[in-house]
Amino acid sequence: MTARPTLRVGLIGHGFMGKAHSNAWRQAPRFFNLPAEVRMSTLCGRDARAVKKAAADFGWEKSATDWRAVVADPEIDLIDISTPNDSHAAIAIAAAAAGKAVLCEKPLARDVREAERMTKAVRQARVVNMVCHNYRRVPALALAREMIKRGELGERLFHFRARYAQDWIVDPEFPLVWRLRSGSAESGSLGDLGSHIVDLGRYLVGEFREVCATLETFVKQRPVPEARGRRGKVKVDDAVAVIGRFRNGALATLEATRFAQGRKNALTIEINGSEGSLVFDLEEMNRLRFYSARDPATERGFREIIVTEGAHPYIDHWWPPGHLVGYEHSFVHTIADFVRAIVARKNVAPSFADGLATQRVLEAIAQSAQRRAWVTL
């Protein structure tokens, strides 16, 4: 019997996403029959004391403060990038040059130029690559894609409506953290939240043809955390509203905002087709609402599909029917699919090429807002 290969992981970044990825690396081999042994080798961060503690807390073998050394380490087989956006390109390109498989948090890059360089690097190096758009692997959304592909909504799709709303920066005294700085994040709600709904639009409906958008920054200046008493200019958007059209003719209505009081992580989607509709709400992520015009006229209405059956995507790896999965499971599913792809030496969607396609839509949205005009992709 052939022994399974061992994959040694180097994770760069140990903040919010680093924590989510660490949990996923720890859980995926325990719940999925993976074709490789996974070793959580090295966790990397800038603060030696903080990253050492995080490594111990999350189950990593060791910690490091120099990502270049982690990338160059011949014992490391793959690099997982969970850092702020401004370092994605440098780390990914170096990892590809070193022959490592690369998983990168979204958005892939700060702009199209960086995304193009990253995509070229992994293509030339022929390394497996993936963007961590984890919501593709929420079982209810994976089921929605299956239903659309089967024609449950009919031959034509008419509308894709998506809203991603949070409220964590409504307070004007909230500090100027990296997500609010153009140098480190490049865009605000557009790149942070909008990248998710653009990716889901591409995943569920198809490629975008054209967009028309507006961006708004409601709080123009915020306290600078490293300089007490000083305020800095906010150069990224707080909210974005988009109308658009897909290549297949479906209309898109998108909104991303971090100024929706009471909304903590509210992602809602509705897709209308010629024979039915689907509705999803991340705050009730185990439910998918489905309306079928093929039902008898006297029995039509939205039905709730509780996505916890063993036949539903990914669910057979977890609990008995009716026992719910959560946000963290979408990362576990992502890691499991990534490991399988590495062993099979095949890319898995969303790849860096997908990330580049999404980045082009984000850029078109920003250009539209600046020009106050429609932009064709």
Protein backbone atom coordinates (compact mmCIF):
# COMPACT_ATOMS: atom_id res chain seq x y z
CA MET A 1 0.00 0.00 0.00
CA THR A 2 1.43 3.37 -1.07
CA ALA A 3 2.01 5.80 1.79
CA ARG A 4 0.21 9.12 1.59
CA PRO A 5 2.40 12.15 0.86
CA THR A 6 2.96 14.73 3.57
CA LEU A 7 2.17 18.39 2.97
CA ARG A 8 3.89 20.89 5.26
CA VAL A 9 2.07 24.18 5.58
CA GLY A 10 3.46 27.68 6.03
CA LEU A 11 0.76 30.19 7.02
CA ILE A 12 1.63 33.87 6.72
CA GLY A 13 -0.55 35.99 9.01
CA HIS A 14 -2.20 35.16 12.33
CA GLY A 15 -4.97 37.75 12.75
CA PHE A 16 -8.67 37.20 12.07
CA MET A 17 -8.12 35.26 8.84
CA GLY A 18 -5.03 33.53 10.19
CA LYS A 19 -7.17 32.21 13.04
CA ALA A 20 -9.86 31.00 10.62
CA HIS A 21 -7.27 29.32 8.39
CA SER A 22 -5.46 27.75 11.35
CA ASN A 23 -8.68 26.17 12.56
CA ALA A 24 -9.37 24.88 9.04
CA TRP A 25 -5.92 23.31 8.67
CA ARG A 26 -6.37 21.62 12.03
CA GLN A 27 -9.88 20.30 11.33
CA ALA A 28 -9.79 19.33 7.65
CA PRO A 29 -7.65 16.18 8.13
CA ARG A 30 -9.86 15.08 11.03
CA PHE A 31 -13.17 15.28 9.18
CA PHE A 32 -12.17 14.68 5.56
CA ASN A 33 -10.39 11.62 4.20
CA LEU A 34 -7.61 13.63 2.58
CA PRO A 35 -5.11 12.10 0.13
CA ALA A 36 -2.19 13.57 2.10
CA GLU A 37 -0.97 13.98 5.66
CA VAL A 38 -1.07 17.63 6.71
CA ARG A 39 1.54 19.13 9.02
CA MET A 40 0.96 22.59 10.41
CA SER A 41 4.62 23.50 10.21
CA THR A 42 5.14 27.26 10.51
CA LEU A 43 3.01 30.26 11.44
CA CYS A 44 4.51 33.61 10.47
CA GLY A 45 3.82 37.11 11.75
CA ARG A 46 5.66 40.39 12.33
CA ASP A 47 5.48 40.42 16.14
CA ALA A 48 7.66 37.60 17.53
CA ARG A 49 5.87 37.35 20.87
CA ALA A 50 2.36 37.52 19.38
CA VAL A 51 3.02 34.98 16.63
CA LYS A 52 4.70 32.58 19.08
CA LYS A 53 1.62 32.67 21.29
CA ALA A 54 -0.70 32.26 18.29
CA ALA A 55 1.31 29.27 17.08
CA ALA A 56 0.93 27.61 20.46
CA ASP A 57 -2.77 28.47 20.67
CA PHE A 58 -3.63 27.27 17.16
CA GLY A 59 -1.43 24.16 17.06
CA TRP A 60 1.49 25.13 14.82
CA GLU A 61 4.85 23.40 15.26
CA LYS A 62 6.84 26.64 15.22
CA SER A 63 6.63 30.36 14.55
CA ALA A 64 8.62 32.80 12.44
CA THR A 65 8.77 36.54 11.72
CA ASP A 66 10.31 36.54 8.22
CA TRP A 67 7.90 35.37 5.52
CA ARG A 68 10.74 35.17 3.00
CA ALA A 69 12.48 32.56 5.12
CA VAL A 70 9.25 30.57 5.37
CA VAL A 71 8.79 30.67 1.59
CA ALA A 72 12.42 29.63 1.04
CA ASP A 73 12.25 26.77 3.56
CA PRO A 74 12.68 23.52 1.54
CA GLU A 75 10.59 21.68 4.15
CA ILE A 76 7.51 23.80 3.35
CA ASP A 77 5.28 22.50 0.54
CA LEU A 78 2.59 25.17 0.39
CA ILE A 79 2.07 28.76 1.42
CA ASP A 80 -1.21 30.10 2.80
CA ILE A 81 -1.42 33.92 2.63
CA SER A 82 -3.66 35.57 5.25
CA THR A 83 -2.01 38.98 5.42
CA PRO A 84 -3.26 42.49 4.54
CA ASN A 85 -3.77 43.05 0.81
CA ASP A 86 -0.55 45.01 0.22
CA SER A 87 1.65 41.93 0.75
CA HIS A 88 -0.35 39.36 -1.24
CA ALA A 89 1.50 39.87 -4.51
CA ALA A 90 5.05 39.75 -3.13
CA ILE A 91 4.42 36.61 -1.07
CA ALA A 92 2.49 34.76 -3.78
CA ILE A 93 5.03 35.52 -6.51
CA ALA A 94 7.92 34.44 -4.27
CA ALA A 95 6.09 31.27 -3.26
CA ALA A 96 5.39 30.36 -6.89
CA ALA A 97 9.05 30.95 -7.79
CA ALA A 98 9.99 28.57 -4.98
CA GLY A 99 7.69 25.92 -6.42
CA LYS A 100 5.13 26.08 -3.60
CA ALA A 101 1.39 25.67 -3.98
CA VAL A 102 -0.35 28.92 -2.98
CA LEU A 103 -3.63 29.69 -1.23
CA CYS A 104 -4.37 33.41 -0.96
CA GLU A 105 -7.03 35.28 0.96
CA LYS A 106 -9.38 37.53 -0.97
CA PRO A 107 -9.23 39.91 -2.66
CA LEU A 108 -6.38 38.39 -4.63
CA ALA A 109 -4.58 41.73 -4.96
CA ARG A 110 -4.95 45.48 -4.59
CA ASP A 111 -5.42 46.05 -8.30
CA VAL A 112 -5.53 44.34 -11.68
CA ARG A 113 -1.82 44.86 -12.35
CA GLU A 114 -0.83 42.99 -9.18
CA ALA A 115 -3.37 40.25 -9.90
CA GLU A 116 -1.99 39.82 -13.40
CA ARG A 117 1.55 39.42 -12.07
CA MET A 118 0.40 36.87 -9.51
CA THR A 119 -1.58 34.88 -12.06
CA LYS A 120 1.34 34.89 -14.48
CA ALA A 121 3.72 33.72 -11.74
CA VAL A 122 1.66 30.67 -10.71
CA ARG A 123 0.95 29.79 -14.35
CA GLN A 124 4.61 29.90 -15.33
CA ALA A 125 5.65 27.96 -12.22
CA ARG A 126 2.84 25.46 -12.77
CA VAL A 127 1.96 25.43 -9.10
CA VAL A 128 -1.53 24.74 -7.75
CA ASN A 129 -3.20 27.99 -6.73
CA MET A 130 -6.46 29.06 -5.15
CA VAL A 131 -8.18 32.18 -3.80
CA CYS A 132 -9.97 31.73 -0.49
CA HIS A 133 -13.47 32.90 -1.37
CA ASN A 134 -14.86 30.69 1.37
CA TYR A 135 -18.53 31.47 0.74
CA ARG A 136 -18.45 29.32 -2.40
CA ARG A 137 -18.15 26.42 0.01
CA VAL A 138 -21.11 27.22 2.23
CA PRO A 139 -23.23 24.08 1.62
CA ALA A 140 -26.39 26.07 0.84
CA LEU A 141 -24.61 28.15 -1.82
CA ALA A 142 -22.92 25.09 -3.29
CA LEU A 143 -26.39 23.52 -3.49
CA ALA A 144 -27.74 26.68 -5.14
CA ARG A 145 -25.12 26.35 -7.86
CA GLU A 146 -26.05 22.69 -8.40
CA MET A 147 -29.73 23.62 -8.70
CA ILE A 148 -29.01 26.39 -11.19
CA LYS A 149 -26.83 24.06 -13.27
CA ARG A 150 -29.62 21.48 -13.28
CA GLY A 151 -32.02 24.09 -14.65
CA GLU A 152 -34.20 24.34 -11.54
CA LEU A 153 -34.54 28.09 -12.15
CA GLY A 154 -35.24 27.65 -15.85
CA GLU A 155 -33.29 28.28 -19.02
CA ARG A 156 -32.90 32.01 -18.38
CA LEU A 157 -31.69 33.92 -15.35
CA PHE A 158 -33.12 37.42 -14.98
CA HIS A 159 -31.75 38.90 -11.75
CA PHE A 160 -28.86 38.53 -9.32
CA ARG A 161 -29.32 40.72 -6.24
CA ALA A 162 -26.68 40.69 -3.53
CA ARG A 163 -26.17 42.84 -0.46
CA TYR A 164 -23.30 42.51 2.00
CA ALA A 165 -23.82 44.79 4.99
CA GLN A 166 -21.86 45.39 8.20
CA ASP A 167 -21.75 48.21 10.74
CA TRP A 168 -18.35 47.98 12.42
CA ILE A 169 -17.03 51.40 11.33
CA VAL A 170 -20.15 53.55 11.75
CA ASP A 171 -18.59 55.25 14.79
CA PRO A 172 -16.55 58.21 13.46
CA GLU A 173 -14.06 57.65 16.29
CA PHE A 174 -13.22 54.15 15.07
CA PRO A 175 -9.48 54.26 14.29
CA LEU A 176 -7.81 54.35 10.88
CA VAL A 177 -6.90 50.65 10.76
CA TRP A 178 -5.27 49.00 7.73
CA ARG A 179 -8.61 48.13 6.10
CA LEU A 180 -9.33 51.87 5.90
CA ARG A 181 -6.03 52.85 4.29
CA SER A 182 -5.54 52.92 0.55
CA GLY A 183 -1.92 51.78 0.73
CA SER A 184 -2.61 48.54 2.55
CA ALA A 185 -6.16 47.76 1.39
CA GLU A 186 -6.48 49.87 -1.81
CA SER A 187 -10.29 49.81 -1.57
CA GLY A 188 -12.74 49.69 1.33
CA SER A 189 -16.11 47.95 1.26
CA LEU A 190 -15.63 47.31 -2.47
CA GLY A 191 -12.60 45.07 -2.05
CA ASP A 192 -13.45 43.72 1.39
CA LEU A 193 -17.14 42.87 0.94
CA GLY A 194 -17.76 43.57 -2.73
CA SER A 195 -15.19 41.02 -3.83
CA HIS A 196 -17.27 38.31 -2.15
CA ILE A 197 -20.52 39.18 -3.92
CA VAL A 198 -18.81 39.72 -7.29
CA ASP A 199 -17.20 36.29 -6.93
CA LEU A 200 -20.54 34.74 -5.98
CA GLY A 201 -22.17 36.41 -8.97
CA ARG A 202 -19.56 34.84 -11.24
CA TYR A 203 -19.93 31.49 -9.43
CA LEU A 204 -23.73 31.34 -9.58
CA VAL A 205 -24.70 33.32 -12.68
CA GLY A 206 -21.72 33.92 -14.99
CA GLU A 207 -19.29 36.58 -16.14
CA PHE A 208 -20.09 40.29 -15.96
CA ARG A 209 -20.48 42.32 -19.16
CA GLU A 210 -20.87 45.89 -17.83
CA VAL A 211 -21.31 47.85 -14.61
CA CYS A 212 -22.41 51.28 -13.40
CA ALA A 213 -21.57 52.24 -9.83
CA THR A 214 -21.22 54.85 -7.14
CA LEU A 215 -18.87 54.87 -4.14
CA GLU A 216 -19.19 56.87 -0.94
CA THR A 217 -16.95 57.64 2.03
CA PHE A 218 -19.20 58.84 4.85
CA VAL A 219 -16.46 59.57 7.43
CA LYS A 220 -13.62 61.49 5.79
CA GLN A 221 -11.14 61.51 8.70
CA ARG A 222 -10.44 59.10 11.56
CA PRO A 223 -8.08 58.87 14.56
CA VAL A 224 -4.62 57.55 13.69
CA PRO A 225 -3.93 54.75 16.21
CA GLU A 226 -0.14 55.21 16.20
CA ALA A 227 -0.30 59.02 16.67
CA ARG A 228 -2.48 60.09 19.58
CA GLY A 229 -4.56 63.17 18.89
CA ARG A 230 -3.99 63.11 15.13
CA ARG A 231 -6.61 62.30 12.53
CA GLY A 232 -5.88 60.90 9.09
CA LYS A 233 -7.77 61.07 5.82
CA VAL A 234 -9.84 58.03 4.86
CA LYS A 235 -9.02 57.29 1.23
CA VAL A 236 -11.16 54.18 0.72
CA ASP A 237 -14.90 53.75 0.24
CA ASP A 238 -17.35 53.05 3.06
CA ALA A 239 -20.10 51.86 0.72
CA VAL A 240 -20.67 50.92 -2.92
CA ALA A 241 -23.83 50.48 -4.98
CA VAL A 242 -23.74 48.80 -8.39
CA ILE A 243 -26.09 47.95 -11.21
CA GLY A 244 -24.82 45.79 -14.03
CA ARG A 245 -25.40 43.14 -16.61
CA PHE A 246 -23.99 39.65 -17.05
CA ARG A 247 -22.97 38.26 -20.42
CA ASN A 248 -26.00 35.99 -20.39
CA GLY A 249 -28.30 39.02 -20.10
CA ALA A 250 -29.13 38.73 -16.39
CA LEU A 251 -29.21 42.00 -14.46
CA ALA A 252 -27.06 42.57 -11.38
CA THR A 253 -27.87 44.72 -8.36
CA LEU A 254 -25.04 44.80 -5.81
CA GLU A 255 -24.51 46.70 -2.57
CA ALA A 256 -21.66 46.53 -0.09
CA THR A 257 -21.54 48.72 2.99
CA ARG A 258 -19.90 48.90 6.39
CA PHE A 259 -22.43 51.55 7.52
CA ALA A 260 -25.60 49.50 8.04
CA GLN A 261 -26.47 49.83 11.72
CA GLY A 262 -27.47 46.50 13.23
CA ARG A 263 -25.96 44.44 10.41
CA LYS A 264 -22.94 42.52 11.66
CA ASN A 265 -22.24 40.19 8.74
CA ALA A 266 -25.40 40.23 6.63
CA LEU A 267 -24.91 38.68 3.19
CA THR A 268 -28.16 38.19 1.30
CA ILE A 269 -28.63 36.90 -2.25
CA GLU A 270 -31.66 36.46 -4.50
CA ILE A 271 -31.57 34.93 -7.97
CA ASN A 272 -34.64 35.01 -10.21
CA GLY A 273 -35.00 32.81 -13.28
CA SER A 274 -37.67 31.98 -15.84
CA GLU A 275 -38.89 28.99 -13.78
CA GLY A 276 -37.98 29.83 -10.21
CA SER A 277 -36.07 31.80 -7.59
CA LEU A 278 -33.49 31.14 -4.88
CA VAL A 279 -32.90 33.20 -1.74
CA PHE A 280 -29.98 32.91 0.70
CA ASP A 281 -29.16 34.74 3.93
CA LEU A 282 -25.78 34.13 5.58
CA GLU A 283 -27.29 34.81 8.99
CA GLU A 284 -29.40 31.68 8.38
CA MET A 285 -26.70 29.89 6.43
CA ASN A 286 -28.14 26.37 6.70
CA ARG A 287 -31.32 27.39 4.87
CA LEU A 288 -31.95 27.95 1.17
CA ARG A 289 -35.35 29.28 0.05
CA PHE A 290 -36.63 28.01 -3.30
CA TYR A 291 -39.66 28.99 -5.38
CA SER A 292 -40.60 26.85 -8.38
CA ALA A 293 -43.06 28.03 -11.03
CA ARG A 294 -43.31 24.37 -12.06
CA ASP A 295 -45.30 23.54 -8.93
CA PRO A 296 -49.09 23.35 -9.30
CA ALA A 297 -50.54 26.86 -9.20
CA THR A 298 -52.46 26.05 -6.02
CA GLU A 299 -49.26 24.93 -4.23
CA ARG A 300 -46.74 27.57 -5.22
CA GLY A 301 -44.75 29.45 -2.62
CA PHE A 302 -41.22 29.67 -1.26
CA ARG A 303 -40.14 26.43 0.41
CA GLU A 304 -37.24 26.17 2.86
CA ILE A 305 -34.55 23.64 2.16
CA ILE A 306 -32.69 22.80 5.36
CA VAL A 307 -29.21 22.10 3.98
CA THR A 308 -28.07 19.52 6.52
CA GLU A 309 -28.77 16.24 4.72
CA GLY A 310 -25.95 13.85 3.89
CA ALA A 311 -26.68 14.27 0.16
CA HIS A 312 -26.04 18.03 0.35
CA PRO A 313 -22.56 19.40 -0.53
CA TYR A 314 -19.94 18.68 2.18
CA ILE A 315 -22.52 17.74 4.83
CA ASP A 316 -21.74 14.00 4.85
CA HIS A 317 -18.43 14.86 6.59
CA TRP A 318 -20.16 16.44 9.57
CA TRP A 319 -23.23 15.77 11.70
CA PRO A 320 -26.59 13.95 11.43
CA PRO A 321 -29.43 15.75 9.56
CA GLY A 322 -30.69 18.87 11.30
CA HIS A 323 -27.39 19.54 13.10
CA LEU A 324 -26.07 22.83 11.79
CA VAL A 325 -22.72 23.86 10.33
CA GLY A 326 -21.29 27.37 10.64
CA TYR A 327 -18.96 30.02 9.25
CA GLU A 328 -15.78 28.14 10.15
CA HIS A 329 -16.83 25.07 8.18
CA SER A 330 -16.59 26.97 4.88
CA PHE A 331 -12.84 27.37 5.49
CA VAL A 332 -12.48 23.67 6.34
CA HIS A 333 -14.17 22.80 3.04
CA THR A 334 -11.82 25.18 1.22
CA ILE A 335 -8.73 23.59 2.75
CA ALA A 336 -9.97 20.06 2.01
CA ASP A 337 -10.53 20.92 -1.66
CA PHE A 338 -7.16 22.67 -1.86
CA VAL A 339 -5.29 19.65 -0.46
CA ARG A 340 -7.03 17.34 -2.92
CA ALA A 341 -6.06 19.65 -5.78
CA ILE A 342 -2.40 19.73 -4.71
CA VAL A 343 -2.17 15.95 -4.64
CA ALA A 344 -3.99 15.66 -7.97
CA ARG A 345 -1.84 18.52 -9.36
CA LYS A 346 -4.92 20.29 -10.64
CA ASN A 347 -6.17 23.79 -9.93
CA VAL A 348 -9.42 24.24 -8.08
CA ALA A 349 -11.83 27.15 -8.39
CA PRO A 350 -11.57 29.91 -7.57
CA SER A 351 -8.03 29.92 -8.96
CA PHE A 352 -5.80 32.97 -9.31
CA ALA A 353 -7.28 33.36 -12.81
CA ASP A 354 -10.70 33.63 -11.14
CA GLY A 355 -9.29 36.13 -8.68
CA LEU A 356 -7.98 38.19 -11.60
CA ALA A 357 -11.40 38.09 -13.30
CA THR A 358 -13.03 39.32 -10.10
CA GLN A 359 -10.36 42.02 -9.73
CA ARG A 360 -11.22 43.29 -13.22
CA VAL A 361 -14.87 43.64 -12.21
CA LEU A 362 -13.85 45.52 -9.04
CA GLU A 363 -11.67 47.85 -11.10
CA ALA A 364 -14.50 48.46 -13.57
CA ILE A 365 -16.79 49.34 -10.65
CA ALA A 366 -14.24 51.82 -9.28
CA GLN A 367 -13.73 53.33 -12.75
CA SER A 368 -17.48 53.66 -13.24
CA ALA A 369 -17.86 55.52 -9.96
CA GLN A 370 -14.99 57.84 -10.86
CA ARG A 371 -16.25 58.54 -14.39
CA ARG A 372 -19.93 58.55 -13.40
CA ALA A 373 -20.60 56.32 -16.42
CA TRP A 374 -21.11 52.70 -17.50
CA VAL A 375 -17.95 50.63 -17.95
CA THR A 376 -17.75 47.58 -20.20
CA LEU A 377 -15.56 44.66 -19.20
